[in-house]
């Protein structure tokens, strides 16, 4: 990712400089990412990789990845065990899926994304299937 522009007060990041999944998301999600990214770049001596990880962590507190974009979560909070433990966690990330949401919520998301076999999946299987569907939707959106 290239360096993001400074957002400043009442300004929005340039959409074409955001990750593609955020380009297809609502303005508030874009602003959350961009403002956190800018602040992290200052805090971490322009380490763009660390700033991006920090910005995604902030985004995932309020948003979940649904297909090729981000949508506001029903309840704010950490999205998975990795987020609960913090940046030094050795637990895997759920890649934007709100793994801490109820099984019913995950099932609804799976239905929205037309994931086959969802009715027979347990919660962990739903999370993995959602990750796979999100990745596929993102790839497809980037291609066309």
N, C-alpha and C. Protein backbone atom coordinates (compact mmCIF):
# COMPACT_ATOMS: atom_id res chain seq x y z
N UNK A 1 0.85 -1.17 0.00
CA UNK A 1 0.00 0.00 0.00
C UNK A 1 0.89 1.23 0.00
N UNK A 2 0.55 2.20 -0.80
CA UNK A 2 1.30 3.45 -0.81
C UNK A 2 0.87 4.29 0.39
N UNK A 3 1.67 5.28 0.71
CA UNK A 3 1.34 6.14 1.84
C UNK A 3 0.02 6.84 1.60
N UNK A 4 -0.80 6.86 2.62
CA UNK A 4 -2.10 7.52 2.53
C UNK A 4 -1.91 9.02 2.73
N UNK A 5 -2.78 9.83 2.16
CA UNK A 5 -2.67 11.27 2.36
C UNK A 5 -3.15 11.65 3.76
N UNK A 6 -2.72 12.76 4.22
CA UNK A 6 -3.25 13.29 5.47
C UNK A 6 -4.71 13.63 5.25
N UNK A 7 -5.55 13.25 6.18
CA UNK A 7 -6.97 13.51 6.01
C UNK A 7 -7.33 14.91 6.49
N UNK A 8 -6.73 15.35 7.59
CA UNK A 8 -7.04 16.68 8.11
C UNK A 8 -8.47 16.77 8.58
N UNK A 9 -8.81 17.88 9.21
CA UNK A 9 -10.17 18.06 9.72
C UNK A 9 -11.13 18.31 8.56
N UNK A 10 -12.24 17.58 8.56
CA UNK A 10 -13.30 17.71 7.55
C UNK A 10 -12.84 17.36 6.14
N UNK A 11 -11.79 16.60 6.01
CA UNK A 11 -11.35 16.16 4.69
C UNK A 11 -11.39 14.64 4.65
N UNK A 12 -11.58 14.11 3.48
CA UNK A 12 -11.61 12.66 3.30
C UNK A 12 -10.37 12.22 2.54
N UNK A 13 -9.95 11.00 2.81
CA UNK A 13 -8.83 10.43 2.06
C UNK A 13 -9.23 10.28 0.61
N UNK A 14 -8.24 10.33 -0.27
CA UNK A 14 -8.53 10.06 -1.68
C UNK A 14 -8.90 8.60 -1.81
N UNK A 15 -10.04 8.36 -2.39
CA UNK A 15 -10.59 7.01 -2.48
C UNK A 15 -9.64 6.04 -3.19
N UNK A 16 -8.96 6.52 -4.24
CA UNK A 16 -8.09 5.63 -5.01
C UNK A 16 -6.84 5.21 -4.25
N UNK A 17 -6.56 5.82 -3.10
CA UNK A 17 -5.40 5.45 -2.30
C UNK A 17 -5.76 4.47 -1.18
N UNK A 18 -7.04 4.17 -1.04
CA UNK A 18 -7.48 3.23 -0.02
C UNK A 18 -7.40 1.81 -0.55
N UNK A 19 -7.30 0.80 0.35
CA UNK A 19 -7.42 -0.59 -0.10
C UNK A 19 -8.74 -0.77 -0.86
N UNK A 20 -8.73 -1.65 -1.84
CA UNK A 20 -9.90 -1.79 -2.71
C UNK A 20 -11.18 -2.12 -1.96
N UNK A 21 -11.07 -2.93 -0.89
CA UNK A 21 -12.28 -3.27 -0.13
C UNK A 21 -12.89 -2.05 0.53
N UNK A 22 -12.06 -1.10 0.90
CA UNK A 22 -12.57 0.14 1.50
C UNK A 22 -13.12 1.09 0.44
N UNK A 23 -12.58 1.02 -0.77
CA UNK A 23 -13.12 1.86 -1.84
C UNK A 23 -14.58 1.54 -2.11
N UNK A 24 -14.99 0.31 -1.80
CA UNK A 24 -16.37 -0.12 -2.01
C UNK A 24 -17.20 -0.05 -0.73
N UNK A 25 -16.71 0.65 0.28
CA UNK A 25 -17.37 0.73 1.58
C UNK A 25 -17.84 2.15 1.86
N UNK A 26 -18.68 2.29 2.89
CA UNK A 26 -19.22 3.61 3.22
C UNK A 26 -18.12 4.56 3.69
N UNK A 27 -18.42 5.85 3.58
CA UNK A 27 -17.45 6.90 3.90
C UNK A 27 -16.91 6.78 5.32
N UNK A 28 -17.75 6.46 6.27
CA UNK A 28 -17.30 6.38 7.67
C UNK A 28 -16.24 5.30 7.83
N UNK A 29 -16.38 4.18 7.15
CA UNK A 29 -15.38 3.12 7.20
C UNK A 29 -14.07 3.62 6.59
N UNK A 30 -14.18 4.33 5.46
CA UNK A 30 -12.98 4.88 4.82
C UNK A 30 -12.28 5.86 5.75
N UNK A 31 -13.06 6.73 6.39
CA UNK A 31 -12.48 7.73 7.28
C UNK A 31 -11.83 7.09 8.51
N UNK A 32 -12.47 6.05 9.06
CA UNK A 32 -11.91 5.35 10.22
C UNK A 32 -10.54 4.80 9.87
N UNK A 33 -10.45 4.13 8.72
CA UNK A 33 -9.18 3.57 8.29
C UNK A 33 -8.15 4.68 8.05
N UNK A 34 -8.52 5.68 7.27
CA UNK A 34 -7.56 6.72 6.87
C UNK A 34 -7.03 7.52 8.06
N UNK A 35 -7.89 7.89 8.97
CA UNK A 35 -7.46 8.68 10.13
C UNK A 35 -6.54 7.87 11.03
N UNK A 36 -6.87 6.60 11.22
CA UNK A 36 -6.01 5.74 12.04
C UNK A 36 -4.68 5.52 11.35
N UNK A 37 -4.72 5.31 10.04
CA UNK A 37 -3.49 5.11 9.27
C UNK A 37 -2.57 6.34 9.40
N UNK A 38 -3.14 7.52 9.21
CA UNK A 38 -2.34 8.75 9.31
C UNK A 38 -1.69 8.88 10.68
N UNK A 39 -2.47 8.65 11.72
CA UNK A 39 -1.95 8.76 13.09
C UNK A 39 -0.87 7.71 13.34
N UNK A 40 -1.09 6.49 12.87
CA UNK A 40 -0.12 5.43 13.06
C UNK A 40 1.17 5.71 12.29
N UNK A 41 1.07 6.30 11.11
CA UNK A 41 2.28 6.65 10.35
C UNK A 41 3.16 7.60 11.16
N UNK A 42 2.53 8.56 11.83
CA UNK A 42 3.29 9.50 12.67
C UNK A 42 3.88 8.78 13.88
N UNK A 43 3.10 7.91 14.50
CA UNK A 43 3.54 7.21 15.71
C UNK A 43 4.63 6.19 15.43
N UNK A 44 4.58 5.55 14.27
CA UNK A 44 5.49 4.46 13.96
C UNK A 44 6.54 4.84 12.94
N UNK A 45 6.94 6.10 12.92
CA UNK A 45 8.02 6.57 12.05
C UNK A 45 7.85 6.15 10.59
N UNK A 46 6.66 6.37 10.06
CA UNK A 46 6.35 6.11 8.65
C UNK A 46 6.49 4.64 8.24
N UNK A 47 6.25 3.73 9.18
CA UNK A 47 6.23 2.29 8.88
C UNK A 47 4.85 1.97 8.31
N UNK A 48 4.75 1.95 6.97
CA UNK A 48 3.44 1.82 6.33
C UNK A 48 2.79 0.46 6.61
N UNK A 49 3.58 -0.58 6.73
CA UNK A 49 3.02 -1.91 7.02
C UNK A 49 2.38 -1.93 8.41
N UNK A 50 3.08 -1.40 9.39
CA UNK A 50 2.55 -1.36 10.76
C UNK A 50 1.34 -0.42 10.84
N UNK A 51 1.40 0.68 10.13
CA UNK A 51 0.28 1.62 10.12
C UNK A 51 -0.96 0.98 9.51
N UNK A 52 -0.78 0.21 8.44
CA UNK A 52 -1.91 -0.47 7.80
C UNK A 52 -2.52 -1.50 8.75
N UNK A 53 -1.67 -2.27 9.44
CA UNK A 53 -2.19 -3.26 10.40
C UNK A 53 -2.98 -2.57 11.51
N UNK A 54 -2.48 -1.45 11.98
CA UNK A 54 -3.16 -0.70 13.04
C UNK A 54 -4.49 -0.16 12.54
N UNK A 55 -4.50 0.36 11.32
CA UNK A 55 -5.74 0.91 10.75
C UNK A 55 -6.78 -0.18 10.53
N UNK A 56 -6.35 -1.36 10.06
CA UNK A 56 -7.30 -2.46 9.89
C UNK A 56 -7.83 -2.92 11.24
N UNK A 57 -6.97 -2.94 12.26
CA UNK A 57 -7.42 -3.34 13.60
C UNK A 57 -8.49 -2.39 14.11
N UNK A 58 -8.30 -1.09 13.90
CA UNK A 58 -9.31 -0.11 14.31
C UNK A 58 -10.61 -0.29 13.53
N UNK A 59 -10.47 -0.51 12.23
CA UNK A 59 -11.64 -0.71 11.38
C UNK A 59 -12.46 -1.91 11.84
N UNK A 60 -11.77 -3.02 12.15
CA UNK A 60 -12.45 -4.26 12.53
C UNK A 60 -13.19 -4.14 13.86
N UNK A 61 -12.91 -3.13 14.64
CA UNK A 61 -13.63 -2.92 15.90
C UNK A 61 -15.08 -2.51 15.64
N UNK A 62 -15.31 -1.81 14.53
CA UNK A 62 -16.64 -1.29 14.20
C UNK A 62 -17.23 -1.87 12.92
N UNK A 63 -16.41 -2.51 12.10
CA UNK A 63 -16.85 -3.00 10.80
C UNK A 63 -16.44 -4.46 10.62
N UNK A 64 -17.17 -5.16 9.77
CA UNK A 64 -16.83 -6.52 9.39
C UNK A 64 -16.80 -6.60 7.87
N UNK A 65 -15.94 -7.48 7.38
CA UNK A 65 -15.85 -7.65 5.93
C UNK A 65 -17.01 -8.55 5.47
N UNK A 66 -17.72 -8.07 4.48
CA UNK A 66 -18.84 -8.81 3.90
C UNK A 66 -18.62 -8.83 2.39
N UNK A 67 -18.20 -9.98 1.89
CA UNK A 67 -17.90 -10.06 0.47
C UNK A 67 -16.71 -9.19 0.13
N UNK A 68 -16.93 -8.21 -0.74
CA UNK A 68 -15.83 -7.37 -1.23
C UNK A 68 -15.77 -5.99 -0.58
N UNK A 69 -16.48 -5.80 0.56
CA UNK A 69 -16.50 -4.48 1.21
C UNK A 69 -16.70 -4.65 2.72
N UNK A 70 -16.73 -3.53 3.42
CA UNK A 70 -16.88 -3.51 4.88
C UNK A 70 -18.25 -2.93 5.24
N UNK A 71 -18.93 -3.54 6.22
CA UNK A 71 -20.21 -3.06 6.71
C UNK A 71 -20.14 -2.89 8.22
N UNK A 72 -20.90 -1.94 8.73
CA UNK A 72 -20.93 -1.69 10.18
C UNK A 72 -21.39 -2.94 10.92
N UNK A 73 -20.70 -3.24 12.03
CA UNK A 73 -21.07 -4.39 12.85
C UNK A 73 -22.29 -4.05 13.69
N UNK A 74 -23.03 -5.08 14.09
CA UNK A 74 -24.18 -4.88 14.97
C UNK A 74 -23.73 -4.40 16.33
N UNK A 75 -22.60 -4.92 16.81
CA UNK A 75 -22.05 -4.52 18.10
C UNK A 75 -20.56 -4.26 17.94
N UNK A 76 -20.12 -3.11 18.47
CA UNK A 76 -18.70 -2.76 18.41
C UNK A 76 -17.91 -3.69 19.32
N UNK A 77 -16.67 -3.92 18.97
CA UNK A 77 -15.79 -4.71 19.81
C UNK A 77 -14.83 -5.53 18.98
N UNK A 78 -13.92 -6.24 19.65
CA UNK A 78 -12.94 -7.05 18.92
C UNK A 78 -13.64 -8.12 18.09
N UNK A 79 -13.10 -8.39 16.92
CA UNK A 79 -13.75 -9.30 15.98
C UNK A 79 -13.29 -10.75 16.12
N UNK A 80 -12.19 -10.98 16.83
CA UNK A 80 -11.68 -12.34 16.98
C UNK A 80 -10.71 -12.39 18.14
N UNK A 81 -10.19 -13.59 18.44
CA UNK A 81 -9.26 -13.74 19.57
C UNK A 81 -7.98 -12.95 19.37
N UNK A 82 -7.53 -12.83 18.14
CA UNK A 82 -6.33 -12.03 17.85
C UNK A 82 -6.54 -10.58 18.29
N UNK A 83 -7.69 -10.03 17.93
CA UNK A 83 -7.99 -8.64 18.29
C UNK A 83 -8.15 -8.48 19.80
N UNK A 84 -8.70 -9.47 20.45
CA UNK A 84 -8.86 -9.40 21.91
C UNK A 84 -7.51 -9.34 22.61
N UNK A 85 -6.53 -10.09 22.09
CA UNK A 85 -5.22 -10.17 22.72
C UNK A 85 -4.30 -9.02 22.33
N UNK A 86 -4.53 -8.40 21.17
CA UNK A 86 -3.71 -7.27 20.76
C UNK A 86 -2.67 -7.64 19.71
N UNK A 87 -1.88 -6.66 19.36
CA UNK A 87 -0.94 -6.78 18.23
C UNK A 87 0.06 -7.92 18.39
N UNK A 88 0.42 -8.27 19.60
CA UNK A 88 1.42 -9.32 19.82
C UNK A 88 0.81 -10.72 19.86
N UNK A 89 -0.48 -10.83 19.63
CA UNK A 89 -1.16 -12.12 19.70
C UNK A 89 -0.62 -13.09 18.66
N UNK A 90 -0.52 -14.33 19.03
CA UNK A 90 -0.11 -15.38 18.11
C UNK A 90 -1.33 -16.09 17.53
N UNK A 91 -2.53 -15.71 17.97
CA UNK A 91 -3.76 -16.30 17.45
C UNK A 91 -3.98 -15.78 16.04
N UNK A 92 -4.56 -16.60 15.17
CA UNK A 92 -4.81 -16.13 13.80
C UNK A 92 -5.93 -15.10 13.76
N UNK A 93 -5.86 -14.22 12.80
CA UNK A 93 -6.92 -13.24 12.59
C UNK A 93 -8.03 -13.89 11.76
N UNK A 94 -9.25 -13.39 11.95
CA UNK A 94 -10.38 -13.92 11.17
C UNK A 94 -10.55 -13.14 9.86
N UNK A 95 -9.57 -12.32 9.52
CA UNK A 95 -9.54 -11.61 8.23
C UNK A 95 -10.77 -10.76 7.96
N UNK A 96 -11.25 -10.09 9.01
CA UNK A 96 -12.38 -9.19 8.84
C UNK A 96 -13.73 -9.80 9.14
N UNK A 97 -13.80 -11.12 9.25
CA UNK A 97 -15.05 -11.77 9.65
C UNK A 97 -15.22 -11.53 11.15
N UNK A 98 -16.43 -11.19 11.57
CA UNK A 98 -16.70 -10.96 12.99
C UNK A 98 -16.91 -12.31 13.68
N UNK A 99 -15.79 -12.99 13.97
CA UNK A 99 -15.85 -14.33 14.57
C UNK A 99 -16.46 -14.33 15.95
N UNK A 100 -16.51 -13.17 16.61
CA UNK A 100 -17.12 -13.07 17.93
C UNK A 100 -18.63 -12.86 17.87
N UNK A 101 -19.18 -12.71 16.69
CA UNK A 101 -20.63 -12.57 16.53
C UNK A 101 -21.29 -13.92 16.79
N UNK A 102 -22.59 -13.90 16.96
CA UNK A 102 -23.32 -15.13 17.21
C UNK A 102 -23.30 -16.04 15.98
N UNK A 103 -23.54 -17.32 16.20
CA UNK A 103 -23.63 -18.27 15.10
C UNK A 103 -24.76 -17.85 14.16
N UNK A 104 -25.85 -17.34 14.72
CA UNK A 104 -26.98 -16.90 13.90
C UNK A 104 -26.58 -15.77 12.97
N UNK A 105 -25.80 -14.82 13.50
CA UNK A 105 -25.32 -13.70 12.67
C UNK A 105 -24.43 -14.23 11.54
N UNK A 106 -23.51 -15.11 11.88
CA UNK A 106 -22.62 -15.67 10.86
C UNK A 106 -23.41 -16.44 9.81
N UNK A 107 -24.43 -17.15 10.25
CA UNK A 107 -25.28 -17.89 9.31
C UNK A 107 -25.98 -16.92 8.35
N UNK A 108 -26.49 -15.80 8.88
CA UNK A 108 -27.15 -14.80 8.02
C UNK A 108 -26.17 -14.26 6.98
N UNK A 109 -24.95 -13.97 7.41
CA UNK A 109 -23.92 -13.49 6.47
C UNK A 109 -23.64 -14.57 5.41
N UNK A 110 -23.57 -15.82 5.83
CA UNK A 110 -23.32 -16.92 4.90
C UNK A 110 -24.46 -17.04 3.89
N UNK A 111 -25.68 -16.81 4.36
CA UNK A 111 -26.83 -16.86 3.45
C UNK A 111 -26.74 -15.71 2.45
N UNK A 112 -26.37 -14.50 2.91
CA UNK A 112 -26.21 -13.35 2.01
C UNK A 112 -25.20 -13.64 0.92
N UNK A 113 -24.14 -14.35 1.28
CA UNK A 113 -23.06 -14.65 0.33
C UNK A 113 -23.28 -15.97 -0.40
N UNK A 114 -24.45 -16.57 -0.18
CA UNK A 114 -24.85 -17.80 -0.86
C UNK A 114 -23.84 -18.93 -0.70
N UNK A 115 -23.36 -19.11 0.55
CA UNK A 115 -22.42 -20.18 0.85
C UNK A 115 -23.18 -21.49 0.96
N UNK A 116 -22.78 -22.43 0.16
CA UNK A 116 -23.45 -23.74 0.13
C UNK A 116 -23.07 -24.56 1.37
N UNK A 117 -24.03 -25.32 1.89
CA UNK A 117 -23.79 -26.18 3.04
C UNK A 117 -23.78 -25.47 4.38
N UNK A 118 -24.13 -24.21 4.39
CA UNK A 118 -24.07 -23.40 5.61
C UNK A 118 -24.93 -23.94 6.75
N UNK A 119 -26.05 -24.56 6.44
CA UNK A 119 -26.96 -25.03 7.50
C UNK A 119 -26.35 -26.17 8.31
N UNK A 120 -25.35 -26.85 7.76
CA UNK A 120 -24.71 -27.96 8.46
C UNK A 120 -23.40 -27.54 9.14
N UNK A 121 -23.03 -26.27 9.03
CA UNK A 121 -21.74 -25.82 9.56
C UNK A 121 -21.85 -25.37 11.02
N UNK A 122 -20.77 -25.65 11.77
CA UNK A 122 -20.70 -25.09 13.12
C UNK A 122 -20.10 -23.68 13.00
N UNK A 123 -19.97 -23.01 14.11
CA UNK A 123 -19.53 -21.61 14.09
C UNK A 123 -18.14 -21.44 13.45
N UNK A 124 -17.19 -22.29 13.83
CA UNK A 124 -15.85 -22.18 13.25
C UNK A 124 -15.85 -22.42 11.75
N UNK A 125 -16.67 -23.37 11.31
CA UNK A 125 -16.76 -23.64 9.87
C UNK A 125 -17.39 -22.47 9.13
N UNK A 126 -18.38 -21.82 9.75
CA UNK A 126 -18.99 -20.63 9.15
C UNK A 126 -17.96 -19.52 8.98
N UNK A 127 -17.14 -19.30 10.02
CA UNK A 127 -16.10 -18.26 9.95
C UNK A 127 -15.15 -18.55 8.79
N UNK A 128 -14.69 -19.80 8.68
CA UNK A 128 -13.76 -20.16 7.60
C UNK A 128 -14.42 -20.02 6.23
N UNK A 129 -15.68 -20.44 6.13
CA UNK A 129 -16.39 -20.32 4.84
C UNK A 129 -16.59 -18.86 4.47
N UNK A 130 -16.88 -18.01 5.45
CA UNK A 130 -17.04 -16.57 5.19
C UNK A 130 -15.72 -15.96 4.74
N UNK A 131 -14.62 -16.35 5.37
CA UNK A 131 -13.31 -15.84 4.96
C UNK A 131 -13.05 -16.20 3.49
N UNK A 132 -13.32 -17.44 3.15
CA UNK A 132 -13.09 -17.91 1.78
C UNK A 132 -13.99 -17.15 0.80
N UNK A 133 -15.26 -16.98 1.15
CA UNK A 133 -16.20 -16.26 0.27
C UNK A 133 -15.79 -14.79 0.13
N UNK A 134 -15.36 -14.17 1.23
CA UNK A 134 -14.92 -12.78 1.17
C UNK A 134 -13.71 -12.64 0.25
N UNK A 135 -12.74 -13.55 0.39
CA UNK A 135 -11.54 -13.50 -0.45
C UNK A 135 -11.93 -13.64 -1.93
N UNK A 136 -12.82 -14.58 -2.22
CA UNK A 136 -13.25 -14.79 -3.61
C UNK A 136 -13.97 -13.55 -4.15
N UNK A 137 -14.83 -12.94 -3.34
CA UNK A 137 -15.55 -11.75 -3.78
C UNK A 137 -14.60 -10.58 -4.01
N UNK A 138 -13.61 -10.45 -3.17
CA UNK A 138 -12.62 -9.38 -3.33
C UNK A 138 -11.80 -9.59 -4.60
N UNK A 139 -11.35 -10.83 -4.84
CA UNK A 139 -10.61 -11.12 -6.08
C UNK A 139 -11.44 -10.79 -7.30
N UNK A 140 -12.70 -11.20 -7.28
CA UNK A 140 -13.61 -10.97 -8.42
C UNK A 140 -13.80 -9.47 -8.65
N UNK A 141 -13.99 -8.71 -7.57
CA UNK A 141 -14.18 -7.26 -7.69
C UNK A 141 -12.93 -6.58 -8.24
N UNK A 142 -11.77 -7.04 -7.86
CA UNK A 142 -10.53 -6.45 -8.35
C UNK A 142 -10.30 -6.73 -9.83
N UNK A 143 -10.80 -7.87 -10.29
CA UNK A 143 -10.62 -8.25 -11.69
C UNK A 143 -11.52 -7.47 -12.63
N UNK A 144 -12.70 -7.10 -12.12
CA UNK A 144 -13.62 -6.51 -13.06
C UNK A 144 -14.25 -5.28 -12.60
